[in-house]
């Protein structure tokens, strides 16, 4: 199953005080395939659409590396998206 076919709510569903880190490098999923999911995440975390769009335009052709979600030590919800950096 491709990750981008899952809803944000399904990914965010987890046990309290638990987190996960999915290593997706080998899946070859490009960031642009995750656009709708990322837009929903931005809305949930109150990230302005123009801020998301500026970053998205720079990274959309890169592949997804890791997706992490959970509750941190300060009991704050987080979602982190990692992607490979390009060599200089």
Protein backbone atom coordinates (compact mmCIF):
# COMPACT_ATOMS: atom_id res chain seq x y z
CA UNK A 1 0.00 0.00 0.00
CA UNK A 2 1.33 3.43 -0.89
CA UNK A 3 1.63 5.79 2.06
CA UNK A 4 -0.10 8.62 0.23
CA UNK A 5 -3.30 6.55 0.09
CA UNK A 6 -3.61 6.75 3.88
CA UNK A 7 -5.45 9.62 5.51
CA UNK A 8 -3.65 11.98 7.88
CA UNK A 9 -5.93 10.81 10.68
CA UNK A 10 -4.86 7.22 10.16
CA UNK A 11 -1.20 8.17 10.33
CA UNK A 12 -1.72 10.39 13.37
CA UNK A 13 -3.70 7.72 15.25
CA UNK A 14 -1.41 6.31 17.95
CA UNK A 15 -1.30 5.40 21.61
CA UNK A 16 -0.82 8.28 24.02
CA UNK A 17 2.84 9.08 24.77
CA UNK A 18 4.03 6.86 21.93
CA UNK A 19 5.71 7.86 18.72
CA UNK A 20 6.85 6.28 15.52
CA UNK A 21 9.47 6.83 12.85
CA UNK A 22 8.81 5.27 9.47
CA UNK A 23 11.90 4.84 7.28
CA UNK A 24 10.51 5.34 3.77
CA UNK A 25 13.72 5.92 1.78
CA UNK A 26 13.39 2.65 -0.15
CA UNK A 27 9.74 3.32 -1.06
CA UNK A 28 10.77 6.02 -3.54
CA UNK A 29 7.81 8.26 -2.67
CA UNK A 30 8.31 11.80 -3.87
CA UNK A 31 7.23 14.70 -1.66
CA UNK A 32 4.83 15.88 -4.37
CA UNK A 33 2.89 12.61 -4.00
CA UNK A 34 2.26 13.59 -0.38
CA UNK A 35 0.99 17.12 -1.07
CA UNK A 36 -2.60 16.61 0.13
CA UNK A 37 -1.47 14.81 3.27
CA UNK A 38 1.09 17.52 4.02
CA UNK A 39 -1.47 20.28 3.46
CA UNK A 40 -3.77 18.59 6.02
CA UNK A 41 -0.86 18.33 8.45
CA UNK A 42 -0.15 22.04 8.04
CA UNK A 43 -3.76 22.87 8.78
CA UNK A 44 -3.67 20.69 11.90
CA UNK A 45 -0.46 22.29 13.16
CA UNK A 46 -1.60 25.81 12.17
CA UNK A 47 1.15 26.37 9.60
CA UNK A 48 0.25 29.16 7.19
CA UNK A 49 -0.50 28.01 3.65
CA UNK A 50 2.04 30.45 2.16
CA UNK A 51 4.79 29.06 4.42
CA UNK A 52 3.97 25.50 3.40
CA UNK A 53 3.82 26.45 -0.28
CA UNK A 54 7.23 28.15 -0.19
CA UNK A 55 8.90 25.07 1.30
CA UNK A 56 6.89 22.65 -0.82
CA UNK A 57 8.00 24.32 -4.05
CA UNK A 58 11.66 23.83 -3.06
CA UNK A 59 11.40 20.18 -1.98
CA UNK A 60 8.53 18.68 -3.99
CA UNK A 61 10.77 16.66 -6.32
CA UNK A 62 12.79 15.09 -3.50
CA UNK A 63 12.02 11.65 -2.12
CA UNK A 64 10.48 11.09 1.28
CA UNK A 65 12.98 9.81 3.84
CA UNK A 66 11.39 9.39 7.26
CA UNK A 67 8.01 10.31 8.71
CA UNK A 68 7.92 10.70 12.50
CA UNK A 69 4.92 11.42 14.70
CA UNK A 70 4.21 11.33 18.40
CA UNK A 71 4.24 13.14 21.72
CA UNK A 72 7.48 14.74 22.90
CA UNK A 73 8.82 15.07 26.46
CA UNK A 74 6.92 18.32 26.93
CA UNK A 75 3.73 16.43 26.01
CA UNK A 76 3.40 18.30 22.72
CA UNK A 77 2.20 16.62 19.56
CA UNK A 78 4.66 16.58 16.65
CA UNK A 79 4.94 15.48 13.05
CA UNK A 80 8.32 15.54 11.31
CA UNK A 81 9.07 14.90 7.67
CA UNK A 82 12.62 14.10 6.63
CA UNK A 83 14.02 14.10 3.11
CA UNK A 84 17.53 13.64 1.74
CA UNK A 85 19.57 16.78 1.28
CA UNK A 86 21.31 17.35 -2.01
CA UNK A 87 25.09 17.29 -2.25
CA UNK A 88 26.85 20.55 -3.01
